[in-house]
Amino acid sequence: MVVGRRNQSGHTPTHTPCHHDAVTTRIARRPATVVQANPGIGTGQGPSLEWGGSDTTTGGAKKLSEALEEADIERKKAVEEAERRAKWQEQEREEKLRKVAFMKEMPDDTPAGSVSDYMYKEGVKDQLDKLDYDLVGLLPVKQRVREIAALLVLDKMRRKLGFDTAVPSLHMCFTGAPGTGKTTVAVRMGQILAKMGYCRSGHVVVATRDDLVGQYVGHTAPKTKEVIKQALGGVLLVDEAYYLYNAANDRDYGQESIEILLTFMENNREDLVVVLAGYKDRMDKFFSFIPGMSSRIGNHIDFPNYEVDELFEISKVMSRDLDYEMTDEAGDVFKKYIERRMAMPFFSNARTVRNAMDRARMNAAIRVFDQAIAGANGGDVGAEDLKAITADDFQVILDEALAAEDDAILA
């Protein structure tokens, strides 16, 4: 190609750049573009070649280094855990050897202490006395509680002398009608277990199906675990436990709650005591559906219904606790009311007595108030008036019960 030609004077003329030359100049001044194997690189659409990118040499080396470091940390943790386990096993072995040596050298007549001392020192006797004071009747129940307390006391005496001990199965089943004292006994058992060192606090958490079972998928597990978490260190009382299982519905979420409960009962025996409560016939049917639950319950206690005289004694205990006094005539009317009420639906033993006492107290208050307004004794009210529950106060609720029964017969 001829770049230029001489003119007549022999000089080559200056070349005037055209548009093509300008474009060529701009291209020449651009920085060199790095040619990359991956498409899109350099256009903002792909990874760069900086350290830590996706290049198989640099980035891969970094990831390999991180993986080796993480593996080294995990290996150190595993070694530390194995060392801790070995140390614990060695301590257990040494403790067992000391125990064996101690028992070989110990004379057979070595005293472990007085049972009475243990009962008093640990506070067990105080709890059993309170049980007698607060609960009228229920002699079979009280006897069973004493038997459990005796096992715990003797087990602690065995530990003092170095004998092997194991946490007994303390999960329980309380069967009986409403108002027979199941919750009260559960509270006392929690306090006894805490005194003997089998529970950290001995508190009682009362739960029903609504507290444990959710309404949709994924709701039951957190609800059940939250209730169990609240009960750890004490007693979990599941009232009307048979409602957890619905045999008519395979998709019922209660089964999930039962499985979680079974797991905690087995794995946390040293920190959780579960008490299942309900009617005996329904609990027996529940256990037939859930055999794993029955096998984990070591103590079955049946709460019988109260007799009329026992319910009358309960009413006197309630009066005593509230600083009231029942006249002899009031007691006679109360017994008639209880006899009538026991033949009616929804009778609940001590709960029915409590409701009757609340109604009698209200009737007594109305009676004293009306008499004072009417000017009796100059409108003055004395201490005896404020403490007395008379036959008239119970007669009101007895008349209501009789009228309800007559209406039922007519219907």
Protein backbone atom coordinates (compact mmCIF):
# COMPACT_ATOMS: atom_id res chain seq x y z
CA MET A 1 0.00 0.00 0.00
CA VAL A 2 1.32 3.51 -0.88
CA VAL A 3 1.34 5.63 2.22
CA GLY A 4 2.20 8.86 0.39
CA ARG A 5 3.83 10.24 -2.64
CA ARG A 6 6.23 13.09 -3.26
CA ASN A 7 5.00 16.35 -4.74
CA GLN A 8 6.77 18.30 -7.29
CA SER A 9 9.13 19.82 -4.75
CA GLY A 10 10.22 16.38 -3.66
CA HIS A 11 8.56 16.57 -0.16
CA THR A 12 6.15 14.11 1.12
CA PRO A 13 2.93 15.89 2.17
CA THR A 14 1.60 15.61 5.73
CA HIS A 15 -1.09 12.96 5.97
CA THR A 16 -4.44 14.17 7.22
CA PRO A 17 -6.02 11.47 9.47
CA CYS A 18 -9.42 10.26 8.48
CA HIS A 19 -12.20 8.75 10.58
CA HIS A 20 -10.69 5.31 10.17
CA ASP A 21 -7.40 6.50 11.55
CA ALA A 22 -9.10 8.02 14.60
CA VAL A 23 -10.77 4.76 15.40
CA THR A 24 -7.47 2.98 15.01
CA THR A 25 -5.82 5.44 17.38
CA ARG A 26 -8.45 4.96 20.08
CA ILE A 27 -8.14 1.21 19.85
CA ALA A 28 -4.39 1.43 20.13
CA ARG A 29 -4.63 3.47 23.31
CA ARG A 30 -6.92 1.00 25.12
CA PRO A 31 -5.30 -1.21 27.77
CA ALA A 32 -4.67 -4.77 26.74
CA THR A 33 -7.54 -7.12 27.41
CA VAL A 34 -6.67 -10.29 29.33
CA VAL A 35 -7.84 -13.29 27.39
CA GLN A 36 -9.59 -15.72 29.73
CA ALA A 37 -10.70 -19.26 29.23
CA ASN A 38 -14.07 -18.83 30.91
CA PRO A 39 -16.73 -16.98 28.92
CA GLY A 40 -18.16 -13.91 30.58
CA ILE A 41 -14.98 -13.14 32.57
CA GLY A 42 -14.02 -9.50 32.24
CA THR A 43 -17.58 -8.50 31.35
CA GLY A 44 -18.86 -8.43 34.92
CA GLN A 45 -20.80 -11.66 34.38
CA GLY A 46 -18.36 -14.19 35.81
CA PRO A 47 -15.85 -14.71 38.64
CA SER A 48 -12.53 -12.88 38.58
CA LEU A 49 -9.06 -14.30 38.84
CA GLU A 50 -8.38 -12.69 42.22
CA TRP A 51 -7.28 -14.76 45.27
CA GLY A 52 -10.10 -16.86 46.59
CA GLY A 53 -12.03 -17.04 43.31
CA SER A 54 -13.17 -20.15 41.53
CA ASP A 55 -9.84 -20.81 39.88
CA THR A 56 -8.90 -24.41 40.48
CA THR A 57 -5.39 -23.47 41.63
CA THR A 58 -5.82 -20.58 44.09
CA GLY A 59 -9.40 -20.95 45.29
CA GLY A 60 -9.10 -24.72 45.46
CA ALA A 61 -5.96 -24.41 47.55
CA LYS A 62 -7.70 -22.10 49.97
CA LYS A 63 -10.71 -24.39 50.36
CA LEU A 64 -8.46 -27.38 50.89
CA SER A 65 -6.57 -25.48 53.58
CA GLU A 66 -9.83 -24.59 55.35
CA ALA A 67 -11.06 -28.18 55.16
CA LEU A 68 -7.81 -29.47 56.65
CA GLU A 69 -8.04 -26.92 59.46
CA GLU A 70 -11.64 -27.90 60.26
CA ALA A 71 -10.74 -31.58 60.20
CA ASP A 72 -7.89 -30.89 62.62
CA ILE A 73 -10.26 -29.11 65.01
CA GLU A 74 -12.74 -31.99 64.89
CA ARG A 75 -9.92 -34.47 65.51
CA LYS A 76 -8.77 -32.49 68.55
CA LYS A 77 -12.34 -32.43 69.90
CA ALA A 78 -12.67 -36.18 69.45
CA VAL A 79 -9.38 -36.76 71.24
CA GLU A 80 -10.41 -34.48 74.12
CA GLU A 81 -13.76 -36.25 74.42
CA ALA A 82 -12.06 -39.65 74.46
CA GLU A 83 -9.66 -38.45 77.15
CA ARG A 84 -12.55 -37.13 79.29
CA ARG A 85 -14.41 -40.42 78.90
CA ALA A 86 -11.35 -42.42 79.82
CA LYS A 87 -10.75 -40.20 82.86
CA TRP A 88 -14.35 -40.61 83.99
CA GLN A 89 -14.16 -44.39 83.58
CA GLU A 90 -10.96 -44.46 85.60
CA GLN A 91 -12.58 -42.44 88.37
CA GLU A 92 -15.56 -44.79 88.36
CA ARG A 93 -13.24 -47.79 88.58
CA GLU A 94 -11.29 -46.26 91.48
CA GLU A 95 -14.52 -45.36 93.28
CA LYS A 96 -15.77 -48.90 92.90
CA LEU A 97 -12.49 -50.33 94.23
CA ARG A 98 -12.66 -48.01 97.25
CA LYS A 99 -16.25 -49.09 97.84
CA VAL A 100 -15.33 -52.78 97.67
CA ALA A 101 -12.41 -52.27 100.06
CA PHE A 102 -14.58 -50.29 102.45
CA MET A 103 -17.29 -52.94 102.51
CA LYS A 104 -14.76 -55.76 103.05
CA GLU A 105 -13.28 -53.99 106.06
CA MET A 106 -16.66 -52.81 107.43
CA PRO A 107 -17.99 -54.90 110.35
CA ASP A 108 -21.40 -56.45 109.77
CA ASP A 109 -22.85 -54.59 112.76
CA THR A 110 -21.86 -51.14 111.47
CA PRO A 111 -24.92 -48.91 112.04
CA ALA A 112 -26.19 -46.83 109.14
CA GLY A 113 -28.22 -44.64 111.47
CA SER A 114 -31.71 -44.55 112.87
CA VAL A 115 -34.68 -44.71 110.51
CA SER A 116 -36.45 -42.18 112.72
CA ASP A 117 -33.47 -39.85 112.47
CA TYR A 118 -33.50 -40.06 108.70
CA MET A 119 -37.26 -39.54 108.58
CA TYR A 120 -36.98 -36.46 110.77
CA LYS A 121 -33.73 -35.04 109.39
CA GLU A 122 -34.73 -35.34 105.75
CA GLY A 123 -38.17 -33.85 106.39
CA VAL A 124 -40.03 -36.97 105.24
CA LYS A 125 -41.90 -37.35 108.53
CA ASP A 126 -43.07 -33.75 108.30
CA GLN A 127 -44.48 -34.34 104.81
CA LEU A 128 -46.27 -37.54 105.86
CA ASP A 129 -47.76 -35.74 108.87
CA LYS A 130 -49.02 -32.99 106.58
CA LEU A 131 -50.56 -35.62 104.35
CA ASP A 132 -52.45 -37.04 107.33
CA TYR A 133 -53.48 -33.56 108.45
CA ASP A 134 -54.66 -32.32 105.05
CA LEU A 135 -56.29 -35.48 103.70
CA VAL A 136 -59.18 -37.20 105.40
CA GLY A 137 -59.46 -40.96 104.85
CA LEU A 138 -57.62 -42.44 101.85
CA LEU A 139 -55.88 -44.94 104.10
CA PRO A 140 -54.72 -47.20 101.20
CA VAL A 141 -53.23 -44.16 99.45
CA LYS A 142 -51.40 -42.97 102.55
CA GLN A 143 -50.06 -46.48 103.13
CA ARG A 144 -48.71 -46.64 99.59
CA VAL A 145 -47.03 -43.25 99.97
CA ARG A 146 -45.39 -44.46 103.20
CA GLU A 147 -44.10 -47.56 101.40
CA ILE A 148 -42.49 -45.42 98.71
CA ALA A 149 -41.01 -43.14 101.38
CA ALA A 150 -39.62 -46.19 103.22
CA LEU A 151 -37.85 -47.35 100.03
CA LEU A 152 -36.29 -43.92 99.55
CA VAL A 153 -35.13 -43.67 103.19
CA LEU A 154 -33.55 -47.14 103.24
CA ASP A 155 -31.98 -46.52 99.85
CA LYS A 156 -30.28 -43.43 101.22
CA MET A 157 -29.05 -45.38 104.24
CA ARG A 158 -27.57 -47.98 101.86
CA ARG A 159 -25.71 -45.26 100.00
CA LYS A 160 -24.20 -44.06 103.27
CA LEU A 161 -22.59 -47.47 103.80
CA GLY A 162 -21.38 -47.74 100.22
CA PHE A 163 -23.89 -50.25 98.87
CA ASP A 164 -24.79 -50.03 95.20
CA THR A 165 -28.01 -48.15 94.61
CA ALA A 166 -30.13 -47.38 91.59
CA VAL A 167 -32.82 -44.81 91.08
CA PRO A 168 -36.10 -46.70 91.52
CA SER A 169 -38.94 -46.32 89.05
CA LEU A 170 -40.81 -43.39 90.54
CA HIS A 171 -43.28 -42.78 87.70
CA MET A 172 -46.81 -43.24 89.02
CA CYS A 173 -50.41 -43.70 87.97
CA PHE A 174 -53.16 -42.22 90.15
CA THR A 175 -56.62 -43.58 89.38
CA GLY A 176 -59.89 -42.44 90.85
CA ALA A 177 -62.82 -40.08 90.50
CA PRO A 178 -62.40 -36.28 90.53
CA GLY A 179 -61.88 -34.69 93.92
CA THR A 180 -60.28 -37.70 95.60
CA GLY A 181 -56.99 -35.93 96.37
CA LYS A 182 -54.79 -36.98 93.45
CA THR A 183 -53.25 -33.54 92.94
CA THR A 184 -52.68 -33.05 96.68
CA VAL A 185 -50.87 -36.38 96.95
CA ALA A 186 -48.78 -35.52 93.87
CA VAL A 187 -47.68 -32.29 95.56
CA ARG A 188 -46.72 -34.16 98.74
CA MET A 189 -44.82 -36.79 96.74
CA GLY A 190 -42.90 -34.06 94.94
CA GLN A 191 -41.88 -32.54 98.25
CA ILE A 192 -40.83 -35.92 99.66
CA LEU A 193 -38.75 -36.70 96.56
CA ALA A 194 -37.06 -33.30 96.82
CA LYS A 195 -36.24 -33.88 100.50
CA MET A 196 -34.68 -37.24 99.66
CA GLY A 197 -32.61 -35.86 96.80
CA TYR A 198 -34.55 -37.52 93.98
CA CYS A 199 -35.85 -34.20 92.63
CA ARG A 200 -34.07 -30.87 92.43
CA SER A 201 -37.07 -28.76 93.41
CA GLY A 202 -40.08 -31.05 93.86
CA HIS A 203 -42.51 -28.64 92.18
CA VAL A 204 -45.58 -30.01 90.40
CA VAL A 205 -46.70 -29.02 86.89
CA VAL A 206 -50.29 -30.03 86.05
CA ALA A 207 -51.02 -30.54 82.35
CA THR A 208 -53.89 -31.79 80.19
CA ARG A 209 -54.17 -32.73 76.52
CA ASP A 210 -54.63 -29.08 75.52
CA ASP A 211 -51.26 -28.24 77.09
CA LEU A 212 -49.40 -31.04 75.28
CA VAL A 213 -51.04 -31.67 71.90
CA GLY A 214 -50.96 -29.19 69.02
CA GLN A 215 -53.54 -28.40 66.38
CA TYR A 216 -51.42 -28.81 63.26
CA VAL A 217 -48.29 -30.55 61.96
CA GLY A 218 -45.15 -29.45 63.80
CA HIS A 219 -47.06 -27.91 66.71
CA THR A 220 -47.16 -30.84 69.14
CA ALA A 221 -43.44 -31.45 69.67
CA PRO A 222 -42.55 -27.93 70.87
CA LYS A 223 -45.66 -27.78 73.11
CA THR A 224 -44.91 -31.09 74.78
CA LYS A 225 -41.21 -30.34 75.19
CA GLU A 226 -41.96 -26.92 76.71
CA VAL A 227 -44.24 -28.46 79.37
CA ILE A 228 -41.65 -31.14 80.13
CA LYS A 229 -38.98 -28.46 80.38
CA GLN A 230 -41.07 -26.65 83.00
CA ALA A 231 -41.48 -29.90 84.98
CA LEU A 232 -37.81 -30.97 84.96
CA GLY A 233 -36.54 -31.26 88.51
CA GLY A 234 -40.04 -31.99 89.79
CA VAL A 235 -43.28 -33.81 89.00
CA LEU A 236 -45.36 -33.67 85.81
CA LEU A 237 -48.99 -34.57 86.56
CA VAL A 238 -50.92 -35.37 83.36
CA ASP A 239 -54.60 -35.21 84.27
CA GLU A 240 -57.02 -37.38 82.28
CA ALA A 241 -54.03 -38.83 80.42
CA TYR A 242 -56.20 -41.18 78.32
CA TYR A 243 -57.30 -38.21 76.19
CA LEU A 244 -53.78 -38.13 74.74
CA TYR A 245 -54.62 -41.19 72.63
CA ASN A 246 -57.46 -41.23 70.12
CA ALA A 247 -57.95 -44.76 68.81
CA ALA A 248 -60.54 -43.58 66.28
CA ASN A 249 -58.11 -41.25 64.50
CA ASP A 250 -54.79 -42.56 63.20
CA ARG A 251 -53.66 -39.02 62.37
CA ASP A 252 -54.29 -37.63 65.82
CA TYR A 253 -51.30 -35.65 67.10
CA GLY A 254 -51.62 -37.11 70.59
CA GLN A 255 -49.54 -40.12 69.56
CA GLU A 256 -46.58 -37.81 68.91
CA SER A 257 -46.91 -36.30 72.37
CA ILE A 258 -46.99 -39.77 73.94
CA GLU A 259 -43.81 -40.81 72.13
CA ILE A 260 -41.97 -37.70 73.32
CA LEU A 261 -43.22 -38.30 76.86
CA LEU A 262 -42.05 -41.92 76.77
CA THR A 263 -38.58 -40.84 75.67
CA PHE A 264 -38.23 -38.35 78.52
CA MET A 265 -39.60 -40.84 81.06
CA GLU A 266 -36.90 -43.33 80.08
CA ASN A 267 -33.94 -40.98 79.61
CA ASN A 268 -34.58 -38.50 82.45
CA ARG A 269 -35.68 -40.74 85.31
CA GLU A 270 -33.30 -38.96 87.67
CA ASP A 271 -34.76 -35.53 86.96
CA LEU A 272 -38.42 -36.05 86.11
CA VAL A 273 -41.27 -37.96 87.73
CA VAL A 274 -44.38 -38.39 85.60
CA VAL A 275 -47.74 -39.02 87.24
CA LEU A 276 -50.67 -40.04 85.01
CA ALA A 277 -54.13 -39.49 86.50
CA GLY A 278 -57.68 -40.36 85.51
CA TYR A 279 -60.57 -42.79 85.92
CA LYS A 280 -59.35 -46.35 86.49
CA ASP A 281 -61.30 -48.06 83.70
CA ARG A 282 -60.19 -45.48 81.14
CA MET A 283 -56.57 -45.60 82.29
CA ASP A 284 -56.57 -49.41 81.99
CA LYS A 285 -57.84 -49.09 78.41
CA PHE A 286 -55.22 -46.43 77.69
CA PHE A 287 -52.43 -48.73 78.91
CA SER A 288 -53.75 -51.51 76.67
CA PHE A 289 -53.21 -49.23 73.66
CA ILE A 290 -49.83 -47.92 74.88
CA PRO A 291 -47.99 -50.90 76.47
CA GLY A 292 -44.73 -48.94 76.54
CA MET A 293 -46.31 -46.47 78.93
CA SER A 294 -47.58 -49.14 81.31
CA SER A 295 -44.15 -50.79 81.54
CA ARG A 296 -42.60 -47.51 82.66
CA ILE A 297 -45.07 -46.94 85.49
CA GLY A 298 -43.77 -48.58 88.66
CA ASN A 299 -46.39 -47.36 91.14
CA HIS A 300 -50.13 -47.66 90.63
CA ILE A 301 -52.24 -46.04 93.34
CA ASP A 302 -56.04 -46.18 93.34
CA PHE A 303 -57.96 -43.40 95.11
CA PRO A 304 -61.34 -44.64 96.40
CA ASN A 305 -64.41 -42.46 96.64
CA TYR A 306 -65.14 -40.85 100.00
CA GLU A 307 -67.91 -41.97 102.30
CA VAL A 308 -70.46 -39.51 103.72
CA ASP A 309 -68.77 -39.33 107.13
CA GLU A 310 -65.39 -38.72 105.49
CA LEU A 311 -66.83 -35.91 103.39
CA PHE A 312 -68.29 -34.39 106.55
CA GLU A 313 -64.83 -34.53 108.13
CA ILE A 314 -63.46 -32.77 105.06
CA SER A 315 -66.04 -30.00 105.51
CA LYS A 316 -64.90 -29.55 109.11
CA VAL A 317 -61.27 -29.33 108.00
CA MET A 318 -62.22 -26.63 105.49
CA SER A 319 -64.14 -24.77 108.19
CA ARG A 320 -61.18 -24.99 110.53
CA ASP A 321 -58.76 -23.68 107.91
CA LEU A 322 -61.02 -20.68 107.22
CA ASP A 323 -61.78 -19.94 110.91
CA TYR A 324 -65.45 -20.93 110.69
CA GLU A 325 -67.45 -23.04 113.11
CA MET A 326 -70.28 -25.36 112.06
CA THR A 327 -73.07 -25.98 114.50
CA ASP A 328 -74.26 -29.55 115.14
CA GLU A 329 -77.52 -28.81 113.36
CA ALA A 330 -75.58 -27.48 110.38
CA GLY A 331 -73.61 -30.75 110.23
CA ASP A 332 -76.83 -32.80 110.10
CA VAL A 333 -78.20 -30.74 107.19
CA PHE A 334 -74.86 -30.94 105.38
CA LYS A 335 -74.89 -34.76 105.55
CA LYS A 336 -78.38 -34.83 104.06
CA TYR A 337 -77.21 -32.56 101.26
CA ILE A 338 -74.16 -34.77 100.53
CA GLU A 339 -76.28 -37.93 100.48
CA ARG A 340 -78.61 -36.31 97.95
CA ARG A 341 -75.76 -34.85 95.93
CA MET A 342 -73.92 -38.18 95.66
CA ALA A 343 -76.91 -39.61 93.79
CA MET A 344 -76.85 -36.77 91.26
CA PRO A 345 -74.63 -36.38 88.16
CA PHE A 346 -71.23 -34.67 88.26
CA PHE A 347 -70.49 -35.48 91.88
CA SER A 348 -66.82 -34.75 92.60
CA ASN A 349 -66.11 -35.81 96.18
CA ALA A 350 -64.03 -33.15 97.96
CA ARG A 351 -64.60 -30.63 95.16
CA THR A 352 -68.34 -30.87 95.71
CA VAL A 353 -67.73 -30.34 99.43
CA ARG A 354 -65.65 -27.25 98.71
CA ASN A 355 -68.38 -25.84 96.48
CA ALA A 356 -70.97 -26.55 99.19
CA MET A 357 -68.84 -24.80 101.80
CA ASP A 358 -68.44 -21.76 99.55
CA ARG A 359 -72.20 -21.58 99.09
CA ALA A 360 -72.77 -21.97 102.84
CA ARG A 361 -70.31 -19.15 103.59
CA MET A 362 -72.12 -16.91 101.11
CA ASN A 363 -75.48 -17.76 102.66
CA ALA A 364 -74.06 -17.02 106.12
CA ALA A 365 -72.77 -13.65 104.95
CA ILE A 366 -76.15 -12.75 103.42
CA ARG A 367 -77.93 -13.81 106.61
CA VAL A 368 -75.70 -11.73 108.91
CA PHE A 369 -75.78 -8.76 106.52
CA ASP A 370 -79.61 -8.74 106.29
CA GLN A 371 -79.96 -9.06 110.07
CA ALA A 372 -77.60 -6.14 110.66
CA ILE A 373 -79.44 -3.98 108.10
CA ALA A 374 -82.72 -4.87 109.78
CA GLY A 375 -81.36 -3.53 113.07
CA ALA A 376 -80.72 -6.78 114.93
CA ASN A 377 -78.47 -6.14 117.96
CA GLY A 378 -78.50 -2.49 117.10
CA GLY A 379 -76.78 -3.25 113.79
CA ASP A 380 -73.69 -4.57 115.53
CA VAL A 381 -71.99 -7.75 114.29
CA GLY A 382 -69.87 -9.78 116.71
CA ALA A 383 -67.09 -12.30 116.19
CA GLU A 384 -69.43 -15.22 116.83
CA ASP A 385 -71.73 -14.01 114.06
CA LEU A 386 -68.82 -13.83 111.62
CA LYS A 387 -67.63 -17.36 112.45
CA ALA A 388 -70.89 -19.29 112.59
CA ILE A 389 -72.32 -21.49 109.80
CA THR A 390 -75.83 -22.57 110.75
CA ALA A 391 -78.31 -25.18 109.53
CA ASP A 392 -80.19 -22.49 107.59
CA ASP A 393 -77.08 -21.77 105.53
CA PHE A 394 -76.97 -25.40 104.32
CA GLN A 395 -80.74 -25.74 104.02
CA VAL A 396 -80.74 -23.39 101.05
CA ILE A 397 -78.48 -25.63 98.95
CA LEU A 398 -80.28 -28.78 100.15
CA ASP A 399 -83.61 -27.37 98.92
CA GLU A 400 -82.00 -26.58 95.56
CA ALA A 401 -80.70 -30.15 95.24
CA LEU A 402 -84.10 -31.61 96.10
CA ALA A 403 -85.81 -29.34 93.58
CA ALA A 404 -83.31 -30.31 90.87
CA GLU A 405 -83.98 -34.00 91.51
CA ASP A 406 -87.77 -33.48 91.31
CA ASP A 407 -87.35 -31.65 88.00
CA ALA A 408 -85.27 -34.54 86.66
CA ILE A 409 -87.97 -37.05 87.63
CA LEU A 410 -90.70 -34.98 85.98
CA ALA A 411 -88.64 -34.59 82.84
